[in-house]
């Protein structure tokens, strides 16, 4: 699995939209990039992308909440863009040792060091 784009609409109906990425939904998968461009707010649950050891780029628009350890233990992660996030759970980027570019928009209510520990 290389680059994935997660759809945000699942039918022509307005009722079938992305609302959350479940806990550990993509944990331990081998994608290198994740792209989501949602017009409606959604959440990423705890550990959703935990230890995706090849993941290097995350570009997610529309996500307002990142759960604890959501992107933890991804040594290859170097770029993450989350312009709409307003909450980040503890340890969301724990052990992301090569993370050098974090693009977080103005909506984040509180920025804590614990996101990276």
PDB file of N, CA and C in Angstrom:
ATOM      1  N   UNK A   1       0.849  -1.162   0.000  1.00  0.00           N
ATOM      2  CA  UNK A   1       0.000   0.000   0.000  1.00  0.00           C
ATOM      3  C   UNK A   1       0.902   1.234   0.000  1.00  0.00           C
ATOM      4  N   UNK A   2       0.697   2.102  -0.941  1.00  0.00           N
ATOM      5  CA  UNK A   2       1.501   3.324  -0.995  1.00  0.00           C
ATOM      6  C   UNK A   2       0.700   4.505  -0.447  1.00  0.00           C
ATOM      7  N   UNK A   3       0.303   5.400  -1.311  1.00  0.00           N
ATOM      8  CA  UNK A   3      -0.476   6.561  -0.921  1.00  0.00           C
ATOM      9  C   UNK A   3      -1.964   6.208  -0.923  1.00  0.00           C
ATOM     10  N   UNK A   4      -2.677   6.621   0.130  1.00  0.00           N
ATOM     11  CA  UNK A   4      -4.120   6.391   0.139  1.00  0.00           C
ATOM     12  C   UNK A   4      -4.854   7.716   0.307  1.00  0.00           C
ATOM     13  N   UNK A   5      -5.991   7.792  -0.346  1.00  0.00           N
ATOM     14  CA  UNK A   5      -6.901   8.919  -0.184  1.00  0.00           C
ATOM     15  C   UNK A   5      -8.187   8.341   0.383  1.00  0.00           C
ATOM     16  N   UNK A   6      -8.564   8.789   1.553  1.00  0.00           N
ATOM     17  CA  UNK A   6      -9.763   8.275   2.203  1.00  0.00           C
ATOM     18  C   UNK A   6     -10.950   9.116   1.729  1.00  0.00           C
ATOM     19  N   UNK A   7     -11.953   8.460   1.164  1.00  0.00           N
ATOM     20  CA  UNK A   7     -13.119   9.224   0.688  1.00  0.00           C
ATOM     21  C   UNK A   7     -13.888   9.822   1.853  1.00  0.00           C
ATOM     22  N   UNK A   8     -14.532  10.957   1.600  1.00  0.00           N
ATOM     23  CA  UNK A   8     -15.304  11.609   2.651  1.00  0.00           C
ATOM     24  C   UNK A   8     -16.802  11.518   2.391  1.00  0.00           C
ATOM     25  N   UNK A   9     -17.186  11.109   1.209  1.00  0.00           N
ATOM     26  CA  UNK A   9     -18.592  10.856   0.862  1.00  0.00           C
ATOM     27  C   UNK A   9     -18.673   9.437   0.325  1.00  0.00           C
ATOM     28  N   UNK A  10     -19.675   8.702   0.770  1.00  0.00           N
ATOM     29  CA  UNK A  10     -19.766   7.301   0.416  1.00  0.00           C
ATOM     30  C   UNK A  10     -20.947   6.976  -0.481  1.00  0.00           C
ATOM     31  N   UNK A  11     -21.687   7.995  -0.850  1.00  0.00           N
ATOM     32  CA  UNK A  11     -22.776   7.845  -1.820  1.00  0.00           C
ATOM     33  C   UNK A  11     -23.170   9.249  -2.256  1.00  0.00           C
ATOM     34  N   UNK A  12     -24.108   9.328  -3.135  1.00  0.00           N
ATOM     35  CA  UNK A  12     -24.600  10.641  -3.565  1.00  0.00           C
ATOM     36  C   UNK A  12     -25.400  11.317  -2.459  1.00  0.00           C
ATOM     37  N   UNK A  13     -25.823  10.547  -1.490  1.00  0.00           N
ATOM     38  CA  UNK A  13     -26.623  11.058  -0.388  1.00  0.00           C
ATOM     39  C   UNK A  13     -25.770  11.897   0.560  1.00  0.00           C
ATOM     40  N   UNK A  14     -26.324  12.955   1.038  1.00  0.00           N
ATOM     41  CA  UNK A  14     -25.641  13.804   2.011  1.00  0.00           C
ATOM     42  C   UNK A  14     -25.483  13.108   3.364  1.00  0.00           C
ATOM     43  N   UNK A  15     -26.266  12.044   3.633  1.00  0.00           N
ATOM     44  CA  UNK A  15     -26.215  11.392   4.932  1.00  0.00           C
ATOM     45  C   UNK A  15     -25.013  10.462   5.089  1.00  0.00           C
ATOM     46  N   UNK A  16     -24.361  10.100   4.029  1.00  0.00           N
ATOM     47  CA  UNK A  16     -23.252   9.149   4.102  1.00  0.00           C
ATOM     48  C   UNK A  16     -21.922   9.885   3.963  1.00  0.00           C
ATOM     49  N   UNK A  17     -21.468  10.482   5.061  1.00  0.00           N
ATOM     50  CA  UNK A  17     -20.213  11.222   5.056  1.00  0.00           C
ATOM     51  C   UNK A  17     -19.293  10.670   6.145  1.00  0.00           C
ATOM     52  N   UNK A  18     -18.016  10.929   5.994  1.00  0.00           N
ATOM     53  CA  UNK A  18     -17.028  10.518   6.996  1.00  0.00           C
ATOM     54  C   UNK A  18     -17.271  11.288   8.293  1.00  0.00           C
ATOM     55  N   UNK A  19     -17.416  10.571   9.397  1.00  0.00           N
ATOM     56  CA  UNK A  19     -17.583  11.222  10.694  1.00  0.00           C
ATOM     57  C   UNK A  19     -16.440  10.881  11.650  1.00  0.00           C
ATOM     58  N   UNK A  20     -15.810   9.719  11.429  1.00  0.00           N
ATOM     59  CA  UNK A  20     -14.694   9.336  12.290  1.00  0.00           C
ATOM     60  C   UNK A  20     -13.880   8.235  11.626  1.00  0.00           C
ATOM     61  N   UNK A  21     -12.621   8.194  12.013  1.00  0.00           N
ATOM     62  CA  UNK A  21     -11.763   7.062  11.673  1.00  0.00           C
ATOM     63  C   UNK A  21     -11.578   6.313  12.985  1.00  0.00           C
ATOM     64  N   UNK A  22     -12.040   5.101  13.023  1.00  0.00           N
ATOM     65  CA  UNK A  22     -12.123   4.323  14.258  1.00  0.00           C
ATOM     66  C   UNK A  22     -10.749   4.017  14.851  1.00  0.00           C
ATOM     67  N   UNK A  23     -10.764   3.757  16.124  1.00  0.00           N
ATOM     68  CA  UNK A  23      -9.564   3.384  16.858  1.00  0.00           C
ATOM     69  C   UNK A  23      -8.857   2.207  16.186  1.00  0.00           C
ATOM     70  N   UNK A  24      -7.590   2.369  15.918  1.00  0.00           N
ATOM     71  CA  UNK A  24      -6.708   1.363  15.319  1.00  0.00           C
ATOM     72  C   UNK A  24      -7.132   0.910  13.912  1.00  0.00           C
ATOM     73  N   UNK A  25      -7.939   1.711  13.233  1.00  0.00           N
ATOM     74  CA  UNK A  25      -8.433   1.349  11.898  1.00  0.00           C
ATOM     75  C   UNK A  25      -7.302   1.071  10.907  1.00  0.00           C
ATOM     76  N   UNK A  26      -6.227   1.835  10.980  1.00  0.00           N
ATOM     77  CA  UNK A  26      -5.115   1.662  10.059  1.00  0.00           C
ATOM     78  C   UNK A  26      -3.818   1.292  10.781  1.00  0.00           C
ATOM     79  N   UNK A  27      -3.893   0.935  12.028  1.00  0.00           N
ATOM     80  CA  UNK A  27      -2.691   0.610  12.806  1.00  0.00           C
ATOM     81  C   UNK A  27      -1.886  -0.500  12.132  1.00  0.00           C
ATOM     82  N   UNK A  28      -0.588  -0.308  12.091  1.00  0.00           N
ATOM     83  CA  UNK A  28       0.377  -1.272  11.561  1.00  0.00           C
ATOM     84  C   UNK A  28       0.287  -1.470  10.041  1.00  0.00           C
ATOM     85  N   UNK A  29      -0.440  -0.618   9.329  1.00  0.00           N
ATOM     86  CA  UNK A  29      -0.521  -0.733   7.864  1.00  0.00           C
ATOM     87  C   UNK A  29       0.726  -0.130   7.237  1.00  0.00           C
ATOM     88  N   UNK A  30       0.913  -0.343   5.934  1.00  0.00           N
ATOM     89  CA  UNK A  30       2.174   0.027   5.282  1.00  0.00           C
ATOM     90  C   UNK A  30       2.057   1.190   4.298  1.00  0.00           C
ATOM     91  N   UNK A  31       1.028   2.012   4.388  1.00  0.00           N
ATOM     92  CA  UNK A  31       0.929   3.148   3.477  1.00  0.00           C
ATOM     93  C   UNK A  31       2.039   4.162   3.738  1.00  0.00           C
ATOM     94  N   UNK A  32       2.391   4.927   2.708  1.00  0.00           N
ATOM     95  CA  UNK A  32       3.428   5.943   2.847  1.00  0.00           C
ATOM     96  C   UNK A  32       2.849   7.343   2.982  1.00  0.00           C
ATOM     97  N   UNK A  33       1.635   7.550   2.478  1.00  0.00           N
ATOM     98  CA  UNK A  33       0.968   8.852   2.566  1.00  0.00           C
ATOM     99  C   UNK A  33      -0.513   8.644   2.833  1.00  0.00           C
ATOM    100  N   UNK A  34      -1.118   9.600   3.567  1.00  0.00           N
ATOM    101  CA  UNK A  34      -2.555   9.606   3.805  1.00  0.00           C
ATOM    102  C   UNK A  34      -3.071  10.998   3.445  1.00  0.00           C
ATOM    103  N   UNK A  35      -4.122  11.028   2.625  1.00  0.00           N
ATOM    104  CA  UNK A  35      -4.742  12.291   2.223  1.00  0.00           C
ATOM    105  C   UNK A  35      -6.239  12.212   2.472  1.00  0.00           C
ATOM    106  N   UNK A  36      -6.765  13.214   3.155  1.00  0.00           N
ATOM    107  CA  UNK A  36      -8.200  13.331   3.380  1.00  0.00           C
ATOM    108  C   UNK A  36      -8.557  14.805   3.195  1.00  0.00           C
ATOM    109  N   UNK A  37      -9.586  15.059   2.410  1.00  0.00           N
ATOM    110  CA  UNK A  37     -10.037  16.429   2.186  1.00  0.00           C
ATOM    111  C   UNK A  37     -11.544  16.462   2.413  1.00  0.00           C
ATOM    112  N   UNK A  38     -11.949  16.688   3.642  1.00  0.00           N
ATOM    113  CA  UNK A  38     -13.362  16.631   4.015  1.00  0.00           C
ATOM    114  C   UNK A  38     -13.945  18.022   4.193  1.00  0.00           C
ATOM    115  N   UNK A  39     -15.157  18.185   3.706  1.00  0.00           N
ATOM    116  CA  UNK A  39     -15.869  19.442   3.897  1.00  0.00           C
ATOM    117  C   UNK A  39     -16.639  19.452   5.215  1.00  0.00           C
ATOM    118  N   UNK A  40     -16.821  18.276   5.802  1.00  0.00           N
ATOM    119  CA  UNK A  40     -17.531  18.176   7.077  1.00  0.00           C
ATOM    120  C   UNK A  40     -16.558  17.728   8.164  1.00  0.00           C
ATOM    121  N   UNK A  41     -16.745  18.197   9.392  1.00  0.00           N
ATOM    122  CA  UNK A  41     -15.835  17.834  10.477  1.00  0.00           C
ATOM    123  C   UNK A  41     -15.888  16.339  10.790  1.00  0.00           C
ATOM    124  N   UNK A  42     -14.745  15.776  11.143  1.00  0.00           N
ATOM    125  CA  UNK A  42     -14.665  14.376  11.563  1.00  0.00           C
ATOM    126  C   UNK A  42     -13.558  14.232  12.577  1.00  0.00           C
ATOM    127  N   UNK A  43     -13.520  13.077  13.247  1.00  0.00           N
ATOM    128  CA  UNK A  43     -12.500  12.826  14.261  1.00  0.00           C
ATOM    129  C   UNK A  43     -11.647  11.616  13.880  1.00  0.00           C
ATOM    130  N   UNK A  44     -10.449  11.608  14.410  1.00  0.00           N
ATOM    131  CA  UNK A  44      -9.552  10.463  14.278  1.00  0.00           C
ATOM    132  C   UNK A  44      -9.394   9.901  15.691  1.00  0.00           C
ATOM    133  N   UNK A  45      -9.846   8.677  15.887  1.00  0.00           N
ATOM    134  CA  UNK A  45      -9.859   8.079  17.218  1.00  0.00           C
ATOM    135  C   UNK A  45      -8.464   7.625  17.671  1.00  0.00           C
ATOM    136  N   UNK A  46      -8.382   7.245  18.938  1.00  0.00           N
ATOM    137  CA  UNK A  46      -7.124   6.807  19.547  1.00  0.00           C
ATOM    138  C   UNK A  46      -6.441   5.720  18.718  1.00  0.00           C
ATOM    139  N   UNK A  47      -5.163   5.903  18.463  1.00  0.00           N
ATOM    140  CA  UNK A  47      -4.361   4.886  17.801  1.00  0.00           C
ATOM    141  C   UNK A  47      -4.743   4.560  16.367  1.00  0.00           C
ATOM    142  N   UNK A  48      -5.513   5.405  15.709  1.00  0.00           N
ATOM    143  CA  UNK A  48      -6.034   5.093  14.368  1.00  0.00           C
ATOM    144  C   UNK A  48      -4.930   4.763  13.360  1.00  0.00           C
ATOM    145  N   UNK A  49      -3.793   5.442  13.445  1.00  0.00           N
ATOM    146  CA  UNK A  49      -2.681   5.195  12.524  1.00  0.00           C
ATOM    147  C   UNK A  49      -1.433   4.733  13.283  1.00  0.00           C
ATOM    148  N   UNK A  50      -1.620   4.166  14.437  1.00  0.00           N
ATOM    149  CA  UNK A  50      -0.529   3.760  15.310  1.00  0.00           C
ATOM    150  C   UNK A  50       0.452   2.833  14.578  1.00  0.00           C
ATOM    151  N   UNK A  51       1.721   3.174  14.655  1.00  0.00           N
ATOM    152  CA  UNK A  51       2.821   2.338  14.157  1.00  0.00           C
ATOM    153  C   UNK A  51       2.693   1.960  12.675  1.00  0.00           C
ATOM    154  N   UNK A  52       2.230   2.904  11.868  1.00  0.00           N
ATOM    155  CA  UNK A  52       2.266   2.710  10.404  1.00  0.00           C
ATOM    156  C   UNK A  52       3.698   3.034   9.976  1.00  0.00           C
ATOM    157  N   UNK A  53       4.552   2.048  10.049  1.00  0.00           N
ATOM    158  CA  UNK A  53       6.002   2.262  10.026  1.00  0.00           C
ATOM    159  C   UNK A  53       6.548   2.878   8.740  1.00  0.00           C
ATOM    160  N   UNK A  54       5.791   2.906   7.650  1.00  0.00           N
ATOM    161  CA  UNK A  54       6.262   3.525   6.408  1.00  0.00           C
ATOM    162  C   UNK A  54       5.634   4.895   6.153  1.00  0.00           C
ATOM    163  N   UNK A  55       4.698   5.315   6.978  1.00  0.00           N
ATOM    164  CA  UNK A  55       3.964   6.557   6.761  1.00  0.00           C
ATOM    165  C   UNK A  55       4.885   7.762   6.925  1.00  0.00           C
ATOM    166  N   UNK A  56       4.964   8.596   5.879  1.00  0.00           N
ATOM    167  CA  UNK A  56       5.852   9.757   5.907  1.00  0.00           C
ATOM    168  C   UNK A  56       5.089  11.078   5.827  1.00  0.00           C
ATOM    169  N   UNK A  57       3.957  11.097   5.111  1.00  0.00           N
ATOM    170  CA  UNK A  57       3.224  12.344   4.876  1.00  0.00           C
ATOM    171  C   UNK A  57       1.757  12.157   5.253  1.00  0.00           C
ATOM    172  N   UNK A  58       1.236  13.095   6.048  1.00  0.00           N
ATOM    173  CA  UNK A  58      -0.174  13.101   6.427  1.00  0.00           C
ATOM    174  C   UNK A  58      -0.729  14.481   6.080  1.00  0.00           C
ATOM    175  N   UNK A  59      -1.742  14.509   5.221  1.00  0.00           N
ATOM    176  CA  UNK A  59      -2.387  15.755   4.809  1.00  0.00           C
ATOM    177  C   UNK A  59      -3.892  15.562   5.012  1.00  0.00           C
ATOM    178  N   UNK A  60      -4.409  16.115   6.099  1.00  0.00           N
ATOM    179  CA  UNK A  60      -5.789  15.852   6.493  1.00  0.00           C
ATOM    180  C   UNK A  60      -6.524  17.166   6.736  1.00  0.00           C
ATOM    181  N   UNK A  61      -7.515  17.417   5.905  1.00  0.00           N
ATOM    182  CA  UNK A  61      -8.345  18.614   6.059  1.00  0.00           C
ATOM    183  C   UNK A  61      -9.731  18.194   6.541  1.00  0.00           C
ATOM    184  N   UNK A  62     -10.279  18.929   7.498  1.00  0.00           N
ATOM    185  CA  UNK A  62     -11.605  18.654   8.022  1.00  0.00           C
ATOM    186  C   UNK A  62     -11.605  17.959   9.371  1.00  0.00           C
ATOM    187  N   UNK A  63     -10.475  17.417   9.777  1.00  0.00           N
ATOM    188  CA  UNK A  63     -10.397  16.724  11.064  1.00  0.00           C
ATOM    189  C   UNK A  63     -10.308  17.760  12.185  1.00  0.00           C
ATOM    190  N   UNK A  64     -11.219  17.663  13.138  1.00  0.00           N
ATOM    191  CA  UNK A  64     -11.223  18.618  14.249  1.00  0.00           C
ATOM    192  C   UNK A  64     -10.668  18.031  15.548  1.00  0.00           C
ATOM    193  N   UNK A  65     -10.578  16.710  15.619  1.00  0.00           N
ATOM    194  CA  UNK A  65     -10.139  16.067  16.866  1.00  0.00           C
ATOM    195  C   UNK A  65      -9.234  14.876  16.554  1.00  0.00           C
ATOM    196  N   UNK A  66      -8.066  14.856  17.198  1.00  0.00           N
ATOM    197  CA  UNK A  66      -7.106  13.758  17.061  1.00  0.00           C
ATOM    198  C   UNK A  66      -7.021  13.050  18.412  1.00  0.00           C
ATOM    199  N   UNK A  67      -7.296  11.770  18.431  1.00  0.00           N
ATOM    200  CA  UNK A  67      -7.272  11.007  19.670  1.00  0.00           C
ATOM    201  C   UNK A  67      -5.857  10.714  20.159  1.00  0.00           C
ATOM    202  N   UNK A  68      -5.765  10.233  21.379  1.00  0.00           N
ATOM    203  CA  UNK A  68      -4.488   9.878  21.990  1.00  0.00           C
ATOM    204  C   UNK A  68      -3.772   8.821  21.158  1.00  0.00           C
ATOM    205  N   UNK A  69      -2.478   8.989  21.007  1.00  0.00           N
ATOM    206  CA  UNK A  69      -1.610   8.028  20.320  1.00  0.00           C
ATOM    207  C   UNK A  69      -2.037   7.773  18.860  1.00  0.00           C
ATOM    208  N   UNK A  70      -2.805   8.673  18.264  1.00  0.00           N
ATOM    209  CA  UNK A  70      -3.353   8.464  16.911  1.00  0.00           C
ATOM    210  C   UNK A  70      -2.266   8.218  15.866  1.00  0.00           C
ATOM    211  N   UNK A  71      -1.142   8.925  15.970  1.00  0.00           N
ATOM    212  CA  UNK A  71      -0.046   8.768  15.012  1.00  0.00           C
ATOM    213  C   UNK A  71       1.242   8.358  15.721  1.00  0.00           C
ATOM    214  N   UNK A  72       1.140   7.751  16.868  1.00  0.00           N
ATOM    215  CA  UNK A  72       2.313   7.407  17.671  1.00  0.00           C
ATOM    216  C   UNK A  72       3.137   6.288  17.038  1.00  0.00           C
ATOM    217  N   UNK A  73       4.416   6.315  17.350  1.00  0.00           N
ATOM    218  CA  UNK A  73       5.366   5.266  16.956  1.00  0.00           C
ATOM    219  C   UNK A  73       5.486   5.121  15.443  1.00  0.00           C
ATOM    220  N   UNK A  74       5.563   6.246  14.772  1.00  0.00           N
ATOM    221  CA  UNK A  74       5.780   6.248  13.321  1.00  0.00           C
ATOM    222  C   UNK A  74       7.108   6.952  13.066  1.00  0.00           C
ATOM    223  N   UNK A  75       8.167   6.201  13.048  1.00  0.00           N
ATOM    224  CA  UNK A  75       9.515   6.762  12.893  1.00  0.00           C
ATOM    225  C   UNK A  75       9.719   7.448  11.550  1.00  0.00           C
ATOM    226  N   UNK A  76       8.980   7.033  10.517  1.00  0.00           N
ATOM    227  CA  UNK A  76       9.147   7.588   9.179  1.00  0.00           C
ATOM    228  C   UNK A  76       8.363   8.878   8.956  1.00  0.00           C
ATOM    229  N   UNK A  77       7.451   9.237   9.861  1.00  0.00           N
ATOM    230  CA  UNK A  77       6.615  10.417   9.675  1.00  0.00           C
ATOM    231  C   UNK A  77       7.456  11.675   9.744  1.00  0.00           C
ATOM    232  N   UNK A  78       7.423  12.489   8.664  1.00  0.00           N
ATOM    233  CA  UNK A  78       8.193  13.728   8.681  1.00  0.00           C
ATOM    234  C   UNK A  78       7.362  14.974   8.419  1.00  0.00           C
ATOM    235  N   UNK A  79       6.169  14.831   7.827  1.00  0.00           N
ATOM    236  CA  UNK A  79       5.339  15.985   7.507  1.00  0.00           C
ATOM    237  C   UNK A  79       3.889  15.685   7.852  1.00  0.00           C
ATOM    238  N   UNK A  80       3.272  16.613   8.600  1.00  0.00           N
ATOM    239  CA  UNK A  80       1.858  16.445   8.917  1.00  0.00           C
ATOM    240  C   UNK A  80       1.154  17.794   8.816  1.00  0.00           C
ATOM    241  N   UNK A  81       0.016  17.795   8.123  1.00  0.00           N
ATOM    242  CA  UNK A  81      -0.786  19.002   7.960  1.00  0.00           C
ATOM    243  C   UNK A  81      -2.191  18.726   8.488  1.00  0.00           C
ATOM    244  N   UNK A  82      -2.585  19.474   9.512  1.00  0.00           N
ATOM    245  CA  UNK A  82      -3.890  19.340  10.159  1.00  0.00           C
ATOM    246  C   UNK A  82      -4.477  20.740  10.376  1.00  0.00           C
ATOM    247  N   UNK A  83      -4.864  21.427   9.320  1.00  0.00           N
ATOM    248  CA  UNK A  83      -5.257  22.836   9.458  1.00  0.00           C
ATOM    249  C   UNK A  83      -6.537  23.089  10.239  1.00  0.00           C
ATOM    250  N   UNK A  84      -7.394  22.080  10.414  1.00  0.00           N
ATOM    251  CA  UNK A  84      -8.682  22.300  11.057  1.00  0.00           C
ATOM    252  C   UNK A  84      -8.785  21.730  12.467  1.00  0.00           C
ATOM    253  N   UNK A  85      -7.723  21.141  12.966  1.00  0.00           N
ATOM    254  CA  UNK A  85      -7.770  20.475  14.270  1.00  0.00           C
ATOM    255  C   UNK A  85      -7.911  21.492  15.407  1.00  0.00           C
ATOM    256  N   UNK A  86      -8.776  21.146  16.399  1.00  0.00           N
ATOM    257  CA  UNK A  86      -8.888  22.003  17.575  1.00  0.00           C
ATOM    258  C   UNK A  86      -8.582  21.254  18.872  1.00  0.00           C
ATOM    259  N   UNK A  87      -8.379  19.939  18.779  1.00  0.00           N
ATOM    260  CA  UNK A  87      -7.994  19.142  19.953  1.00  0.00           C
ATOM    261  C   UNK A  87      -7.043  18.039  19.513  1.00  0.00           C
ATOM    262  N   UNK A  88      -5.974  17.862  20.272  1.00  0.00           N
ATOM    263  CA  UNK A  88      -5.016  16.776  20.038  1.00  0.00           C
ATOM    264  C   UNK A  88      -4.846  16.030  21.350  1.00  0.00           C
ATOM    265  N   UNK A  89      -5.052  14.721  21.316  1.00  0.00           N
ATOM    266  CA  UNK A  89      -4.946  13.898  22.516  1.00  0.00           C
ATOM    267  C   UNK A  89      -3.512  13.649  22.935  1.00  0.00           C
ATOM    268  N   UNK A  90      -3.316  13.213  24.171  1.00  0.00           N
ATOM    269  CA  UNK A  90      -1.977  12.948  24.699  1.00  0.00           C
ATOM    270  C   UNK A  90      -1.214  11.939  23.846  1.00  0.00           C
ATOM    271  N   UNK A  91       0.047  12.234  23.611  1.00  0.00           N
ATOM    272  CA  UNK A  91       0.920  11.312  22.895  1.00  0.00           C
ATOM    273  C   UNK A  91       0.542  11.070  21.451  1.00  0.00           C
ATOM    274  N   UNK A  92      -0.227  11.960  20.853  1.00  0.00           N
ATOM    275  CA  UNK A  92      -0.691  11.760  19.475  1.00  0.00           C
ATOM    276  C   UNK A  92       0.464  11.527  18.504  1.00  0.00           C
ATOM    277  N   UNK A  93       1.607  12.156  18.763  1.00  0.00           N
ATOM    278  CA  UNK A  93       2.783  12.007  17.898  1.00  0.00           C
ATOM    279  C   UNK A  93       3.970  11.423  18.658  1.00  0.00           C
ATOM    280  N   UNK A  94       3.692  10.646  19.691  1.00  0.00           N
ATOM    281  CA  UNK A  94       4.729  10.030  20.512  1.00  0.00           C
ATOM    282  C   UNK A  94       5.668   9.172  19.653  1.00  0.00           C
ATOM    283  N   UNK A  95       6.957   9.330  19.848  1.00  0.00           N
ATOM    284  CA  UNK A  95       8.000   8.567  19.148  1.00  0.00           C
ATOM    285  C   UNK A  95       7.995   8.776  17.635  1.00  0.00           C
ATOM    286  N   UNK A  96       7.549   9.934  17.193  1.00  0.00           N
ATOM    287  CA  UNK A  96       7.673  10.313  15.773  1.00  0.00           C
ATOM    288  C   UNK A  96       8.972  11.108  15.664  1.00  0.00           C
ATOM    289  N   UNK A  97      10.074  10.414  15.740  1.00  0.00           N
ATOM    290  CA  UNK A  97      11.391  11.036  15.887  1.00  0.00           C
ATOM    291  C   UNK A  97      11.843  11.858  14.689  1.00  0.00           C
ATOM    292  N   UNK A  98      11.293  11.616  13.509  1.00  0.00           N
ATOM    293  CA  UNK A  98      11.710  12.341  12.311  1.00  0.00           C
ATOM    294  C   UNK A  98      10.701  13.391  11.870  1.00  0.00           C
ATOM    295  N   UNK A  99       9.743  13.698  12.713  1.00  0.00           N
ATOM    296  CA  UNK A  99       8.734  14.700  12.393  1.00  0.00           C
ATOM    297  C   UNK A  99       9.365  16.082  12.451  1.00  0.00           C
ATOM    298  N   UNK A 100       9.447  16.740  11.310  1.00  0.00           N
ATOM    299  CA  UNK A 100      10.095  18.056  11.278  1.00  0.00           C
ATOM    300  C   UNK A 100       9.177  19.157  10.798  1.00  0.00           C
ATOM    301  N   UNK A 101       8.042  18.827  10.168  1.00  0.00           N
ATOM    302  CA  UNK A 101       7.109  19.863   9.733  1.00  0.00           C
ATOM    303  C   UNK A 101       5.707  19.510  10.230  1.00  0.00           C
ATOM    304  N   UNK A 102       5.192  20.359  11.112  1.00  0.00           N
ATOM    305  CA  UNK A 102       3.841  20.188  11.646  1.00  0.00           C
ATOM    306  C   UNK A 102       3.072  21.457  11.314  1.00  0.00           C
ATOM    307  N   UNK A 103       2.049  21.322  10.475  1.00  0.00           N
ATOM    308  CA  UNK A 103       1.228  22.456  10.073  1.00  0.00           C
ATOM    309  C   UNK A 103      -0.133  22.311  10.745  1.00  0.00           C
ATOM    310  N   UNK A 104      -0.335  23.107  11.796  1.00  0.00           N
ATOM    311  CA  UNK A 104      -1.585  23.088  12.544  1.00  0.00           C
ATOM    312  C   UNK A 104      -2.189  24.476  12.435  1.00  0.00           C
ATOM    313  N   UNK A 105      -3.460  24.545  12.064  1.00  0.00           N
ATOM    314  CA  UNK A 105      -4.142  25.824  11.867  1.00  0.00           C
ATOM    315  C   UNK A 105      -4.376  26.585  13.160  1.00  0.00           C
ATOM    316  N   UNK A 106      -5.139  27.638  13.043  1.00  0.00           N
ATOM    317  CA  UNK A 106      -5.403  28.539  14.163  1.00  0.00           C
ATOM    318  C   UNK A 106      -6.486  28.036  15.105  1.00  0.00           C
ATOM    319  N   UNK A 107      -7.117  26.916  14.811  1.00  0.00           N
ATOM    320  CA  UNK A 107      -8.240  26.426  15.610  1.00  0.00           C
ATOM    321  C   UNK A 107      -7.826  25.667  16.859  1.00  0.00           C
ATOM    322  N   UNK A 108      -6.569  25.285  16.972  1.00  0.00           N
ATOM    323  CA  UNK A 108      -6.129  24.493  18.119  1.00  0.00           C
ATOM    324  C   UNK A 108      -6.301  25.299  19.402  1.00  0.00           C
ATOM    325  N   UNK A 109      -7.064  24.743  20.321  1.00  0.00           N
ATOM    326  CA  UNK A 109      -7.398  25.450  21.555  1.00  0.00           C
ATOM    327  C   UNK A 109      -6.224  25.483  22.528  1.00  0.00           C
ATOM    328  N   UNK A 110      -5.472  24.394  22.604  1.00  0.00           N
ATOM    329  CA  UNK A 110      -4.379  24.295  23.561  1.00  0.00           C
ATOM    330  C   UNK A 110      -3.260  23.470  22.945  1.00  0.00           C
ATOM    331  N   UNK A 111      -2.055  23.973  23.002  1.00  0.00           N
ATOM    332  CA  UNK A 111      -0.899  23.244  22.477  1.00  0.00           C
ATOM    333  C   UNK A 111      -0.062  22.771  23.650  1.00  0.00           C
ATOM    334  N   UNK A 112       0.180  21.475  23.704  1.00  0.00           N
ATOM    335  CA  UNK A 112       0.929  20.911  24.828  1.00  0.00           C
ATOM    336  C   UNK A 112       2.097  20.080  24.352  1.00  0.00           C
ATOM    337  N   UNK A 113       3.122  20.096  25.129  1.00  0.00           N
ATOM    338  CA  UNK A 113       4.311  19.287  24.846  1.00  0.00           C
ATOM    339  C   UNK A 113       3.987  17.795  24.833  1.00  0.00           C
ATOM    340  N   UNK A 114       2.980  17.384  25.587  1.00  0.00           N
ATOM    341  CA  UNK A 114       2.623  15.971  25.705  1.00  0.00           C
ATOM    342  C   UNK A 114       2.186  15.355  24.367  1.00  0.00           C
ATOM    343  N   UNK A 115       1.851  16.156  23.392  1.00  0.00           N
ATOM    344  CA  UNK A 115       1.458  15.603  22.089  1.00  0.00           C
ATOM    345  C   UNK A 115       2.601  14.788  21.491  1.00  0.00           C
ATOM    346  N   UNK A 116       3.824  15.148  21.809  1.00  0.00           N
ATOM    347  CA  UNK A 116       5.002  14.564  21.191  1.00  0.00           C
ATOM    348  C   UNK A 116       5.770  13.639  22.131  1.00  0.00           C
ATOM    349  N   UNK A 117       5.326  13.483  23.358  1.00  0.00           N
ATOM    350  CA  UNK A 117       6.028  12.634  24.330  1.00  0.00           C
ATOM    351  C   UNK A 117       5.385  11.285  24.445  1.00  0.00           C
TER     352      UNK A 117
END
